[in-house]
PDB file of all heavy atoms in Angstrom:
ATOM      1  N   THR A   1     -14.577  41.925   2.819  1.00  0.00           N
ATOM      2  CA  THR A   1     -14.505  43.323   3.244  1.00  0.00           C
ATOM      3  C   THR A   1     -13.971  43.359   4.664  1.00  0.00           C
ATOM      4  O   THR A   1     -13.914  42.278   5.316  1.00  0.00           O
ATOM      5  CB  THR A   1     -16.106  43.718   3.304  1.00  0.00           C
ATOM      6  OG1 THR A   1     -16.805  42.943   4.152  1.00  0.00           O
ATOM      7  CG2 THR A   1     -16.526  43.770   1.975  1.00  0.00           C
ATOM      8  N   GLU A   2     -13.443  44.576   4.950  1.00  0.00           N
ATOM      9  CA  GLU A   2     -12.854  44.696   6.211  1.00  0.00           C
ATOM     10  C   GLU A   2     -13.872  44.791   7.353  1.00  0.00           C
ATOM     11  O   GLU A   2     -14.949  45.226   7.184  1.00  0.00           O
ATOM     12  CB  GLU A   2     -12.025  45.950   6.222  1.00  0.00           C
ATOM     13  CG  GLU A   2     -10.899  45.906   5.343  1.00  0.00           C
ATOM     14  CD  GLU A   2     -10.020  47.196   5.372  1.00  0.00           C
ATOM     15  OE1 GLU A   2      -9.952  47.786   6.418  1.00  0.00           O
ATOM     16  OE2 GLU A   2      -9.499  47.568   4.269  1.00  0.00           O
ATOM     17  N   GLY A   3     -13.473  44.352   8.533  1.00  0.00           N
ATOM     18  CA  GLY A   3     -14.322  44.429   9.671  1.00  0.00           C
ATOM     19  C   GLY A   3     -15.413  43.423   9.784  1.00  0.00           C
ATOM     20  O   GLY A   3     -15.517  42.538   8.946  1.00  0.00           O
ATOM     21  N   ALA A   4     -16.061  43.551  10.919  1.00  0.00           N
ATOM     22  CA  ALA A   4     -17.212  42.580  11.194  1.00  0.00           C
ATOM     23  C   ALA A   4     -18.516  43.041  10.647  1.00  0.00           C
ATOM     24  O   ALA A   4     -18.700  44.217  10.232  1.00  0.00           O
ATOM     25  CB  ALA A   4     -17.402  42.599  12.741  1.00  0.00           C
ATOM     26  N   SER A   5     -19.372  42.095  10.393  1.00  0.00           N
ATOM     27  CA  SER A   5     -20.683  42.399   9.926  1.00  0.00           C
ATOM     28  C   SER A   5     -21.640  42.083  11.071  1.00  0.00           C
ATOM     29  O   SER A   5     -21.595  40.918  11.505  1.00  0.00           O
ATOM     30  CB  SER A   5     -20.985  41.514   8.656  1.00  0.00           C
ATOM     31  OG  SER A   5     -22.296  41.732   8.354  1.00  0.00           O
ATOM     32  N   TRP A   6     -22.406  43.046  11.569  1.00  0.00           N
ATOM     33  CA  TRP A   6     -23.308  42.868  12.625  1.00  0.00           C
ATOM     34  C   TRP A   6     -24.719  42.635  12.088  1.00  0.00           C
ATOM     35  O   TRP A   6     -25.198  43.271  11.194  1.00  0.00           O
ATOM     36  CB  TRP A   6     -23.239  44.100  13.518  1.00  0.00           C
ATOM     37  CG  TRP A   6     -21.949  44.310  14.129  1.00  0.00           C
ATOM     38  CD1 TRP A   6     -21.029  45.019  13.717  1.00  0.00           C
ATOM     39  CD2 TRP A   6     -21.432  43.589  15.263  1.00  0.00           C
ATOM     40  NE1 TRP A   6     -19.842  44.853  14.540  1.00  0.00           N
ATOM     41  CE2 TRP A   6     -20.131  43.979  15.585  1.00  0.00           C
ATOM     42  CE3 TRP A   6     -22.081  42.613  16.247  1.00  0.00           C
ATOM     43  CZ2 TRP A   6     -19.411  43.536  16.588  1.00  0.00           C
ATOM     44  CZ3 TRP A   6     -21.159  42.157  17.239  1.00  0.00           C
ATOM     45  CH2 TRP A   6     -19.897  42.610  17.400  1.00  0.00           C
ATOM     46  N   ASN A   7     -25.451  41.727  12.790  1.00  0.00           N
ATOM     47  CA  ASN A   7     -26.849  41.409  12.362  1.00  0.00           C
ATOM     48  C   ASN A   7     -27.624  41.340  13.631  1.00  0.00           C
ATOM     49  O   ASN A   7     -27.237  40.806  14.698  1.00  0.00           O
ATOM     50  CB  ASN A   7     -26.938  39.982  11.683  1.00  0.00           C
ATOM     51  CG  ASN A   7     -26.262  39.973  10.373  1.00  0.00           C
ATOM     52  OD1 ASN A   7     -26.812  40.391   9.390  1.00  0.00           O
ATOM     53  ND2 ASN A   7     -25.007  39.496  10.320  1.00  0.00           N
ATOM     54  N   ARG A   8     -28.810  41.861  13.525  1.00  0.00           N
ATOM     55  CA  ARG A   8     -29.872  41.779  14.666  1.00  0.00           C
ATOM     56  C   ARG A   8     -30.517  40.451  14.343  1.00  0.00           C
ATOM     57  O   ARG A   8     -30.970  40.189  13.181  1.00  0.00           O
ATOM     58  CB  ARG A   8     -30.761  42.935  14.601  1.00  0.00           C
ATOM     59  CG  ARG A   8     -30.214  44.222  15.037  1.00  0.00           C
ATOM     60  CD  ARG A   8     -31.156  45.256  15.270  1.00  0.00           C
ATOM     61  NE  ARG A   8     -31.820  44.906  16.599  1.00  0.00           N
ATOM     62  CZ  ARG A   8     -32.818  45.557  17.116  1.00  0.00           C
ATOM     63  NH1 ARG A   8     -33.237  46.660  16.439  1.00  0.00           N
ATOM     64  NH2 ARG A   8     -33.213  45.311  18.290  1.00  0.00           N
ATOM     65  N   CYS A   9     -30.616  39.564  15.270  1.00  0.00           N
ATOM     66  CA  CYS A   9     -31.181  38.269  15.064  1.00  0.00           C
ATOM     67  C   CYS A   9     -32.341  37.957  16.019  1.00  0.00           C
ATOM     68  O   CYS A   9     -32.324  38.375  17.113  1.00  0.00           O
ATOM     69  CB  CYS A   9     -30.063  37.207  15.395  1.00  0.00           C
ATOM     70  SG  CYS A   9     -28.616  37.380  14.368  1.00  0.00           S
ATOM     71  N   ALA A  10     -33.359  37.094  15.566  1.00  0.00           N
ATOM     72  CA  ALA A  10     -34.290  36.572  16.328  1.00  0.00           C
ATOM     73  C   ALA A  10     -34.388  35.050  16.115  1.00  0.00           C
ATOM     74  O   ALA A  10     -34.730  34.620  15.086  1.00  0.00           O
ATOM     75  CB  ALA A  10     -35.731  37.157  15.943  1.00  0.00           C
ATOM     76  N   LEU A  11     -33.713  34.365  17.050  1.00  0.00           N
ATOM     77  CA  LEU A  11     -33.510  32.865  16.836  1.00  0.00           C
ATOM     78  C   LEU A  11     -34.511  31.944  17.311  1.00  0.00           C
ATOM     79  O   LEU A  11     -34.306  30.716  17.429  1.00  0.00           O
ATOM     80  CB  LEU A  11     -32.181  32.550  17.364  1.00  0.00           C
ATOM     81  CG  LEU A  11     -30.984  33.330  16.639  1.00  0.00           C
ATOM     82  CD1 LEU A  11     -29.636  32.907  17.303  1.00  0.00           C
ATOM     83  CD2 LEU A  11     -30.955  33.167  15.161  1.00  0.00           C
ATOM     84  N   GLN A  12     -35.662  32.520  17.698  1.00  0.00           N
ATOM     85  CA  GLN A  12     -36.794  31.617  18.053  1.00  0.00           C
ATOM     86  C   GLN A  12     -38.130  32.314  17.603  1.00  0.00           C
ATOM     87  O   GLN A  12     -38.900  32.772  18.496  1.00  0.00           O
ATOM     88  CB  GLN A  12     -36.809  31.253  19.570  1.00  0.00           C
ATOM     89  CG  GLN A  12     -37.780  30.190  19.936  1.00  0.00           C
ATOM     90  CD  GLN A  12     -37.777  29.740  21.341  1.00  0.00           C
ATOM     91  OE1 GLN A  12     -37.138  30.368  22.106  1.00  0.00           O
ATOM     92  NE2 GLN A  12     -38.479  28.709  21.654  1.00  0.00           N
ATOM     93  N   VAL A  13     -38.399  32.251  16.373  1.00  0.00           N
ATOM     94  CA  VAL A  13     -39.604  32.837  15.779  1.00  0.00           C
ATOM     95  C   VAL A  13     -40.578  31.691  15.596  1.00  0.00           C
ATOM     96  O   VAL A  13     -40.249  30.702  14.869  1.00  0.00           O
ATOM     97  CB  VAL A  13     -39.333  33.659  14.499  1.00  0.00           C
ATOM     98  CG1 VAL A  13     -40.654  34.082  13.811  1.00  0.00           C
ATOM     99  CG2 VAL A  13     -38.352  34.735  14.732  1.00  0.00           C
ATOM    100  N   ASN A  14     -41.708  31.713  16.171  1.00  0.00           N
ATOM    101  CA  ASN A  14     -42.625  30.650  16.049  1.00  0.00           C
ATOM    102  C   ASN A  14     -43.640  30.832  14.813  1.00  0.00           C
ATOM    103  O   ASN A  14     -44.095  31.903  14.693  1.00  0.00           O
ATOM    104  CB  ASN A  14     -43.535  30.465  17.276  1.00  0.00           C
ATOM    105  CG  ASN A  14     -42.708  30.086  18.472  1.00  0.00           C
ATOM    106  OD1 ASN A  14     -42.600  30.725  19.520  1.00  0.00           O
ATOM    107  ND2 ASN A  14     -41.991  28.997  18.375  1.00  0.00           N
ATOM    108  N   PRO A  15     -43.894  29.716  14.094  1.00  0.00           N
ATOM    109  CA  PRO A  15     -44.859  29.844  13.062  1.00  0.00           C
ATOM    110  C   PRO A  15     -46.252  29.889  13.561  1.00  0.00           C
ATOM    111  O   PRO A  15     -46.603  29.671  14.690  1.00  0.00           O
ATOM    112  CB  PRO A  15     -44.623  28.612  12.181  1.00  0.00           C
ATOM    113  CG  PRO A  15     -44.137  27.651  13.276  1.00  0.00           C
ATOM    114  CD  PRO A  15     -43.370  28.485  14.178  1.00  0.00           C
ATOM    115  N   PHE A  16     -47.205  30.250  12.720  1.00  0.00           N
ATOM    116  CA  PHE A  16     -48.630  30.368  13.058  1.00  0.00           C
ATOM    117  C   PHE A  16     -49.185  29.070  13.715  1.00  0.00           C
ATOM    118  O   PHE A  16     -49.955  29.124  14.702  1.00  0.00           O
ATOM    119  CB  PHE A  16     -49.445  30.620  11.780  1.00  0.00           C
ATOM    120  CG  PHE A  16     -50.960  30.876  12.020  1.00  0.00           C
ATOM    121  CD1 PHE A  16     -51.273  32.126  12.608  1.00  0.00           C
ATOM    122  CD2 PHE A  16     -51.760  30.018  11.640  1.00  0.00           C
ATOM    123  CE1 PHE A  16     -52.643  32.385  12.831  1.00  0.00           C
ATOM    124  CE2 PHE A  16     -53.195  30.207  11.876  1.00  0.00           C
ATOM    125  CZ  PHE A  16     -53.618  31.443  12.472  1.00  0.00           C
ATOM    126  N   SER A  17     -48.763  27.836  13.172  1.00  0.00           N
ATOM    127  CA  SER A  17     -49.229  26.638  13.729  1.00  0.00           C
ATOM    128  C   SER A  17     -48.859  26.400  15.202  1.00  0.00           C
ATOM    129  O   SER A  17     -49.552  25.740  15.891  1.00  0.00           O
ATOM    130  CB  SER A  17     -48.680  25.426  12.783  1.00  0.00           C
ATOM    131  OG  SER A  17     -47.349  25.425  12.957  1.00  0.00           O
ATOM    132  N   TYR A  18     -47.785  27.048  15.594  1.00  0.00           N
ATOM    133  CA  TYR A  18     -47.390  26.936  17.070  1.00  0.00           C
ATOM    134  C   TYR A  18     -48.492  27.501  17.905  1.00  0.00           C
ATOM    135  O   TYR A  18     -48.873  27.079  18.927  1.00  0.00           O
ATOM    136  CB  TYR A  18     -46.060  27.737  17.234  1.00  0.00           C
ATOM    137  CG  TYR A  18     -45.769  27.874  18.724  1.00  0.00           C
ATOM    138  CD1 TYR A  18     -45.141  26.786  19.447  1.00  0.00           C
ATOM    139  CD2 TYR A  18     -46.068  29.082  19.369  1.00  0.00           C
ATOM    140  CE1 TYR A  18     -44.935  27.004  20.876  1.00  0.00           C
ATOM    141  CE2 TYR A  18     -45.857  29.211  20.714  1.00  0.00           C
ATOM    142  CZ  TYR A  18     -45.253  28.195  21.491  1.00  0.00           C
ATOM    143  OH  TYR A  18     -44.996  28.353  22.808  1.00  0.00           O
ATOM    144  N   LEU A  19     -49.033  28.716  17.430  1.00  0.00           N
ATOM    145  CA  LEU A  19     -50.060  29.466  18.176  1.00  0.00           C
ATOM    146  C   LEU A  19     -51.261  28.560  18.299  1.00  0.00           C
ATOM    147  O   LEU A  19     -51.803  28.428  19.372  1.00  0.00           O
ATOM    148  CB  LEU A  19     -50.392  30.818  17.537  1.00  0.00           C
ATOM    149  CG  LEU A  19     -49.263  31.815  17.322  1.00  0.00           C
ATOM    150  CD1 LEU A  19     -49.787  32.970  16.588  1.00  0.00           C
ATOM    151  CD2 LEU A  19     -48.779  32.106  18.663  1.00  0.00           C
ATOM    152  N   GLU A  20     -51.725  28.005  17.117  1.00  0.00           N
ATOM    153  CA  GLU A  20     -52.921  27.125  17.149  1.00  0.00           C
ATOM    154  C   GLU A  20     -52.675  25.885  18.121  1.00  0.00           C
ATOM    155  O   GLU A  20     -53.514  25.573  18.811  1.00  0.00           O
ATOM    156  CB  GLU A  20     -53.135  26.718  15.771  1.00  0.00           C
ATOM    157  CG  GLU A  20     -53.592  27.864  14.906  1.00  0.00           C
ATOM    158  CD  GLU A  20     -53.913  27.406  13.443  1.00  0.00           C
ATOM    159  OE1 GLU A  20     -53.127  26.621  12.905  1.00  0.00           O
ATOM    160  OE2 GLU A  20     -54.952  27.811  12.914  1.00  0.00           O
ATOM    161  N   ALA A  21     -51.531  25.288  17.939  1.00  0.00           N
ATOM    162  CA  ALA A  21     -51.283  23.973  18.816  1.00  0.00           C
ATOM    163  C   ALA A  21     -51.138  24.238  20.260  1.00  0.00           C
ATOM    164  O   ALA A  21     -51.350  23.347  21.057  1.00  0.00           O
ATOM    165  CB  ALA A  21     -50.080  23.349  18.231  1.00  0.00           C
ATOM    166  N   ASN A  22     -50.770  25.468  20.607  1.00  0.00           N
ATOM    167  CA  ASN A  22     -50.595  25.758  22.009  1.00  0.00           C
ATOM    168  C   ASN A  22     -51.616  26.594  22.631  1.00  0.00           C
ATOM    169  O   ASN A  22     -51.457  27.322  23.688  1.00  0.00           O
ATOM    170  CB  ASN A  22     -49.180  26.449  22.252  1.00  0.00           C
ATOM    171  CG  ASN A  22     -48.088  25.314  21.950  1.00  0.00           C
ATOM    172  OD1 ASN A  22     -47.961  24.483  22.740  1.00  0.00           O
ATOM    173  ND2 ASN A  22     -47.540  25.408  20.773  1.00  0.00           N
ATOM    174  N   GLY A  23     -52.839  26.759  22.066  1.00  0.00           N
ATOM    175  CA  GLY A  23     -53.922  27.421  22.588  1.00  0.00           C
ATOM    176  C   GLY A  23     -53.832  28.987  22.625  1.00  0.00           C
ATOM    177  O   GLY A  23     -54.480  29.576  23.509  1.00  0.00           O
ATOM    178  N   LYS A  24     -52.827  29.495  21.776  1.00  0.00           N
ATOM    179  CA  LYS A  24     -52.719  30.988  21.841  1.00  0.00           C
ATOM    180  C   LYS A  24     -53.823  31.593  20.929  1.00  0.00           C
ATOM    181  O   LYS A  24     -54.173  31.046  19.955  1.00  0.00           O
ATOM    182  CB  LYS A  24     -51.274  31.358  21.430  1.00  0.00           C
ATOM    183  CG  LYS A  24     -50.140  30.640  22.002  1.00  0.00           C
ATOM    184  CD  LYS A  24     -49.960  31.162  23.369  1.00  0.00           C
ATOM    185  CE  LYS A  24     -48.783  30.363  23.972  1.00  0.00           C
ATOM    186  NZ  LYS A  24     -48.549  30.633  25.344  1.00  0.00           N
ATOM    187  N   SER A  25     -54.185  32.757  21.238  1.00  0.00           N
ATOM    188  CA  SER A  25     -55.235  33.494  20.532  1.00  0.00           C
ATOM    189  C   SER A  25     -54.720  33.857  19.153  1.00  0.00           C
ATOM    190  O   SER A  25     -53.647  34.476  19.084  1.00  0.00           O
ATOM    191  CB  SER A  25     -55.658  34.700  21.259  1.00  0.00           C
ATOM    192  OG  SER A  25     -56.638  35.339  20.452  1.00  0.00           O
ATOM    193  N   THR A  26     -55.423  33.496  18.097  1.00  0.00           N
ATOM    194  CA  THR A  26     -55.012  34.030  16.737  1.00  0.00           C
ATOM    195  C   THR A  26     -56.138  34.860  16.223  1.00  0.00           C
ATOM    196  O   THR A  26     -56.166  35.304  15.043  1.00  0.00           O
ATOM    197  CB  THR A  26     -54.923  32.804  15.800  1.00  0.00           C
ATOM    198  OG1 THR A  26     -56.187  32.037  15.847  1.00  0.00           O
ATOM    199  CG2 THR A  26     -53.810  31.813  16.299  1.00  0.00           C
TER     200      THR A  26
END
C-alpha cells in the first residue's frame, strides 16, 4: 500500500509479576 503506516506504541509495558516483585500495590 502507498504511504507510511503509523502506530501508537508502548514499548515498556510491565506484567503483573513486575508489580508484585517490586513492592507496587496490586
